[in-house]
Amino acid sequence: MNDKTTTYTPKKRREWTPERRAAQAERMKQQKPWLKATGPKTATGKQRSRLNSLKHGLRSKEMRELSKLLTAQSRFVKSVTKGISMKYPKQ
């Protein structure tokens, strides 16, 4: 058997030096990509781009509604269990 094991070594990320950052900024000022960005044109594209800011769904309307329902359910369960404990105290 071959006992050699291979280990994964991630590539070193290129750092943004001040010179590299300045050069990139100059290229962007010359190219002006913000003038060419037009956004979605079709209804499908507009529908998809609407979700661009939604990263994980925890702030979605459905999740907010679910959170409210779970909070109400938790309060209800606490009130019921409190009522039972008052009616049948521990011995």
N, C-alpha and C. Protein backbone atom coordinates (compact mmCIF):
# COMPACT_ATOMS: atom_id res chain seq x y z
N MET A 1 0.84 -1.18 0.00
CA MET A 1 0.00 0.00 0.00
C MET A 1 0.87 1.24 0.00
N ASN A 2 0.32 2.27 -0.51
CA ASN A 2 1.04 3.54 -0.56
C ASN A 2 0.61 4.37 0.65
N ASP A 3 1.55 4.72 1.51
CA ASP A 3 1.24 5.47 2.72
C ASP A 3 1.32 6.98 2.54
N LYS A 4 1.49 7.41 1.32
CA LYS A 4 1.58 8.85 1.09
C LYS A 4 0.20 9.48 1.24
N THR A 5 0.15 10.54 1.97
CA THR A 5 -1.11 11.27 2.08
C THR A 5 -0.90 12.64 1.46
N THR A 6 -1.90 13.09 0.81
CA THR A 6 -1.82 14.41 0.22
C THR A 6 -2.61 15.37 1.08
N THR A 7 -2.03 16.49 1.32
CA THR A 7 -2.74 17.51 2.09
C THR A 7 -3.05 18.68 1.18
N TYR A 8 -4.16 19.27 1.45
CA TYR A 8 -4.59 20.42 0.67
C TYR A 8 -3.97 21.68 1.24
N THR A 9 -3.31 22.42 0.39
CA THR A 9 -2.73 23.68 0.79
C THR A 9 -3.44 24.78 0.01
N PRO A 10 -4.21 25.62 0.69
CA PRO A 10 -4.93 26.67 -0.03
C PRO A 10 -3.96 27.68 -0.63
N LYS A 11 -4.38 28.24 -1.76
CA LYS A 11 -3.56 29.26 -2.40
C LYS A 11 -3.56 30.53 -1.55
N LYS A 12 -2.45 31.19 -1.55
CA LYS A 12 -2.36 32.43 -0.80
C LYS A 12 -3.13 33.51 -1.56
N ARG A 13 -3.95 34.24 -0.84
CA ARG A 13 -4.73 35.31 -1.46
C ARG A 13 -3.84 36.49 -1.76
N ARG A 14 -4.08 37.09 -2.89
CA ARG A 14 -3.33 38.29 -3.24
C ARG A 14 -3.84 39.45 -2.41
N GLU A 15 -2.95 40.12 -1.78
CA GLU A 15 -3.32 41.25 -0.94
C GLU A 15 -3.53 42.50 -1.80
N TRP A 16 -4.40 43.37 -1.36
CA TRP A 16 -4.62 44.64 -2.02
C TRP A 16 -3.65 45.66 -1.43
N THR A 17 -2.55 45.83 -2.12
CA THR A 17 -1.59 46.83 -1.67
C THR A 17 -2.14 48.21 -2.03
N PRO A 18 -1.66 49.25 -1.40
CA PRO A 18 -2.13 50.60 -1.76
C PRO A 18 -1.91 50.91 -3.25
N GLU A 19 -0.82 50.42 -3.82
CA GLU A 19 -0.55 50.67 -5.24
C GLU A 19 -1.56 49.93 -6.12
N ARG A 20 -1.85 48.69 -5.76
CA ARG A 20 -2.81 47.92 -6.54
C ARG A 20 -4.20 48.53 -6.43
N ARG A 21 -4.56 48.97 -5.24
CA ARG A 21 -5.86 49.61 -5.03
C ARG A 21 -5.98 50.89 -5.85
N ALA A 22 -4.92 51.69 -5.87
CA ALA A 22 -4.94 52.95 -6.64
C ALA A 22 -5.04 52.66 -8.13
N ALA A 23 -4.32 51.63 -8.61
CA ALA A 23 -4.38 51.28 -10.03
C ALA A 23 -5.78 50.81 -10.41
N GLN A 24 -6.39 50.00 -9.55
CA GLN A 24 -7.76 49.53 -9.81
C GLN A 24 -8.74 50.69 -9.82
N ALA A 25 -8.59 51.61 -8.88
CA ALA A 25 -9.48 52.77 -8.83
C ALA A 25 -9.35 53.60 -10.09
N GLU A 26 -8.12 53.76 -10.59
CA GLU A 26 -7.90 54.53 -11.82
C GLU A 26 -8.55 53.83 -13.01
N ARG A 27 -8.42 52.50 -13.09
CA ARG A 27 -9.07 51.75 -14.18
C ARG A 27 -10.57 51.93 -14.14
N MET A 28 -11.15 51.87 -12.96
CA MET A 28 -12.60 52.03 -12.83
C MET A 28 -13.04 53.44 -13.21
N LYS A 29 -12.24 54.43 -12.88
CA LYS A 29 -12.58 55.81 -13.26
C LYS A 29 -12.54 55.98 -14.77
N GLN A 30 -11.63 55.27 -15.43
CA GLN A 30 -11.54 55.36 -16.89
C GLN A 30 -12.66 54.59 -17.57
N GLN A 31 -12.97 53.40 -17.05
CA GLN A 31 -13.98 52.55 -17.69
C GLN A 31 -15.40 52.97 -17.36
N LYS A 32 -15.63 53.55 -16.20
CA LYS A 32 -16.94 54.00 -15.74
C LYS A 32 -18.02 52.93 -15.93
N PRO A 33 -17.85 51.77 -15.28
CA PRO A 33 -18.83 50.69 -15.48
C PRO A 33 -20.22 51.04 -14.99
N TRP A 34 -20.34 52.00 -14.08
CA TRP A 34 -21.67 52.36 -13.56
C TRP A 34 -22.53 53.03 -14.63
N LEU A 35 -21.91 53.56 -15.70
CA LEU A 35 -22.68 54.16 -16.78
C LEU A 35 -23.28 53.10 -17.70
N LYS A 36 -22.69 51.93 -17.73
CA LYS A 36 -23.15 50.86 -18.61
C LYS A 36 -24.12 49.92 -17.91
N ALA A 37 -24.19 49.97 -16.60
CA ALA A 37 -25.08 49.08 -15.86
C ALA A 37 -26.50 49.58 -16.02
N THR A 38 -27.33 48.77 -16.66
CA THR A 38 -28.70 49.20 -16.94
C THR A 38 -29.73 48.46 -16.11
N GLY A 39 -29.32 47.37 -15.49
CA GLY A 39 -30.28 46.61 -14.70
C GLY A 39 -31.07 45.66 -15.57
N PRO A 40 -31.95 44.90 -14.97
CA PRO A 40 -32.72 43.92 -15.72
C PRO A 40 -33.77 44.59 -16.60
N LYS A 41 -34.00 43.99 -17.76
CA LYS A 41 -34.97 44.54 -18.71
C LYS A 41 -36.26 43.72 -18.75
N THR A 42 -36.14 42.40 -18.58
CA THR A 42 -37.31 41.54 -18.69
C THR A 42 -38.00 41.41 -17.33
N ALA A 43 -39.24 40.99 -17.38
CA ALA A 43 -39.99 40.79 -16.13
C ALA A 43 -39.34 39.70 -15.28
N THR A 44 -38.85 38.66 -15.94
CA THR A 44 -38.19 37.57 -15.21
C THR A 44 -36.92 38.08 -14.54
N GLY A 45 -36.14 38.88 -15.26
CA GLY A 45 -34.92 39.44 -14.69
C GLY A 45 -35.20 40.36 -13.52
N LYS A 46 -36.24 41.15 -13.66
CA LYS A 46 -36.62 42.05 -12.57
C LYS A 46 -37.07 41.27 -11.34
N GLN A 47 -37.80 40.18 -11.58
CA GLN A 47 -38.25 39.33 -10.47
C GLN A 47 -37.06 38.71 -9.75
N ARG A 48 -36.07 38.24 -10.50
CA ARG A 48 -34.89 37.62 -9.89
C ARG A 48 -34.05 38.66 -9.16
N SER A 49 -33.89 39.84 -9.74
CA SER A 49 -33.03 40.85 -9.11
C SER A 49 -33.67 41.40 -7.84
N ARG A 50 -34.97 41.26 -7.72
CA ARG A 50 -35.65 41.69 -6.51
C ARG A 50 -35.13 40.96 -5.28
N LEU A 51 -34.64 39.75 -5.48
CA LEU A 51 -34.16 38.92 -4.38
C LEU A 51 -32.67 39.07 -4.11
N ASN A 52 -31.99 39.97 -4.83
CA ASN A 52 -30.55 40.11 -4.67
C ASN A 52 -30.14 40.44 -3.25
N SER A 53 -30.88 41.25 -2.57
CA SER A 53 -30.49 41.64 -1.22
C SER A 53 -30.86 40.59 -0.18
N LEU A 54 -31.65 39.62 -0.55
CA LEU A 54 -32.05 38.57 0.37
C LEU A 54 -30.95 37.53 0.42
N LYS A 55 -30.23 37.49 1.51
CA LYS A 55 -29.09 36.60 1.60
C LYS A 55 -29.43 35.25 2.23
N HIS A 56 -30.21 35.24 3.27
CA HIS A 56 -30.44 33.98 3.96
C HIS A 56 -31.89 33.73 4.29
N GLY A 57 -32.77 34.64 4.02
CA GLY A 57 -34.19 34.40 4.22
C GLY A 57 -34.71 34.70 5.60
N LEU A 58 -33.85 35.01 6.56
CA LEU A 58 -34.33 35.25 7.91
C LEU A 58 -35.10 36.56 8.03
N ARG A 59 -34.94 37.44 7.07
CA ARG A 59 -35.66 38.71 7.11
C ARG A 59 -36.82 38.73 6.13
N SER A 60 -37.12 37.60 5.54
CA SER A 60 -38.21 37.54 4.58
C SER A 60 -39.55 37.71 5.30
N LYS A 61 -40.56 38.06 4.54
CA LYS A 61 -41.89 38.28 5.11
C LYS A 61 -42.40 37.01 5.78
N GLU A 62 -42.18 35.87 5.12
CA GLU A 62 -42.66 34.60 5.67
C GLU A 62 -41.99 34.29 7.00
N MET A 63 -40.69 34.55 7.10
CA MET A 63 -39.97 34.26 8.34
C MET A 63 -40.42 35.19 9.47
N ARG A 64 -40.70 36.45 9.14
CA ARG A 64 -41.19 37.37 10.16
C ARG A 64 -42.55 36.91 10.69
N GLU A 65 -43.41 36.48 9.76
CA GLU A 65 -44.72 35.99 10.17
C GLU A 65 -44.59 34.72 11.01
N LEU A 66 -43.70 33.82 10.60
CA LEU A 66 -43.47 32.59 11.36
C LEU A 66 -42.94 32.91 12.75
N SER A 67 -42.05 33.87 12.84
CA SER A 67 -41.50 34.26 14.14
C SER A 67 -42.60 34.79 15.05
N LYS A 68 -43.51 35.59 14.51
CA LYS A 68 -44.62 36.11 15.31
C LYS A 68 -45.52 34.97 15.80
N LEU A 69 -45.79 34.01 14.92
CA LEU A 69 -46.64 32.88 15.31
C LEU A 69 -45.96 32.03 16.39
N LEU A 70 -44.67 31.79 16.23
CA LEU A 70 -43.96 31.00 17.24
C LEU A 70 -43.90 31.71 18.58
N THR A 71 -43.74 33.03 18.56
CA THR A 71 -43.73 33.80 19.80
C THR A 71 -45.09 33.71 20.48
N ALA A 72 -46.16 33.83 19.70
CA ALA A 72 -47.51 33.72 20.27
C ALA A 72 -47.75 32.33 20.83
N GLN A 73 -47.29 31.31 20.12
CA GLN A 73 -47.45 29.94 20.60
C GLN A 73 -46.66 29.73 21.89
N SER A 74 -45.47 30.25 21.95
CA SER A 74 -44.65 30.12 23.16
C SER A 74 -45.33 30.77 24.35
N ARG A 75 -45.89 31.96 24.14
CA ARG A 75 -46.60 32.64 25.22
C ARG A 75 -47.80 31.83 25.69
N PHE A 76 -48.52 31.26 24.72
CA PHE A 76 -49.69 30.45 25.05
C PHE A 76 -49.29 29.23 25.88
N VAL A 77 -48.25 28.54 25.44
CA VAL A 77 -47.80 27.34 26.16
C VAL A 77 -47.36 27.71 27.57
N LYS A 78 -46.65 28.83 27.72
CA LYS A 78 -46.23 29.27 29.05
C LYS A 78 -47.43 29.58 29.93
N SER A 79 -48.45 30.21 29.36
CA SER A 79 -49.63 30.55 30.17
C SER A 79 -50.38 29.29 30.58
N VAL A 80 -50.45 28.31 29.68
CA VAL A 80 -51.14 27.06 30.00
C VAL A 80 -50.38 26.31 31.08
N THR A 81 -49.07 26.20 30.92
CA THR A 81 -48.29 25.46 31.92
C THR A 81 -48.27 26.18 33.25
N LYS A 82 -48.32 27.50 33.22
CA LYS A 82 -48.39 28.25 34.48
C LYS A 82 -49.72 27.99 35.16
N GLY A 83 -50.79 27.94 34.39
CA GLY A 83 -52.11 27.65 34.94
C GLY A 83 -52.18 26.26 35.54
N ILE A 84 -51.56 25.29 34.89
CA ILE A 84 -51.55 23.92 35.41
C ILE A 84 -50.75 23.86 36.68
N SER A 85 -49.62 24.55 36.73
CA SER A 85 -48.78 24.49 37.93
C SER A 85 -49.47 25.18 39.09
N MET A 86 -50.32 26.18 38.81
CA MET A 86 -51.05 26.85 39.89
C MET A 86 -52.16 25.93 40.41
N LYS A 87 -52.76 25.17 39.48
CA LYS A 87 -53.87 24.29 39.84
C LYS A 87 -53.36 23.04 40.58
N TYR A 88 -52.23 22.53 40.12
CA TYR A 88 -51.65 21.31 40.70
C TYR A 88 -50.23 21.63 41.18
N PRO A 89 -50.08 22.20 42.36
CA PRO A 89 -48.74 22.56 42.83
C PRO A 89 -47.88 21.33 43.09
N LYS A 90 -46.58 21.51 42.99
CA LYS A 90 -45.65 20.40 43.25
C LYS A 90 -45.72 20.00 44.70
N GLN A 91 -45.54 18.71 44.95
CA GLN A 91 -45.61 18.19 46.32
C GLN A 91 -44.25 17.83 46.84
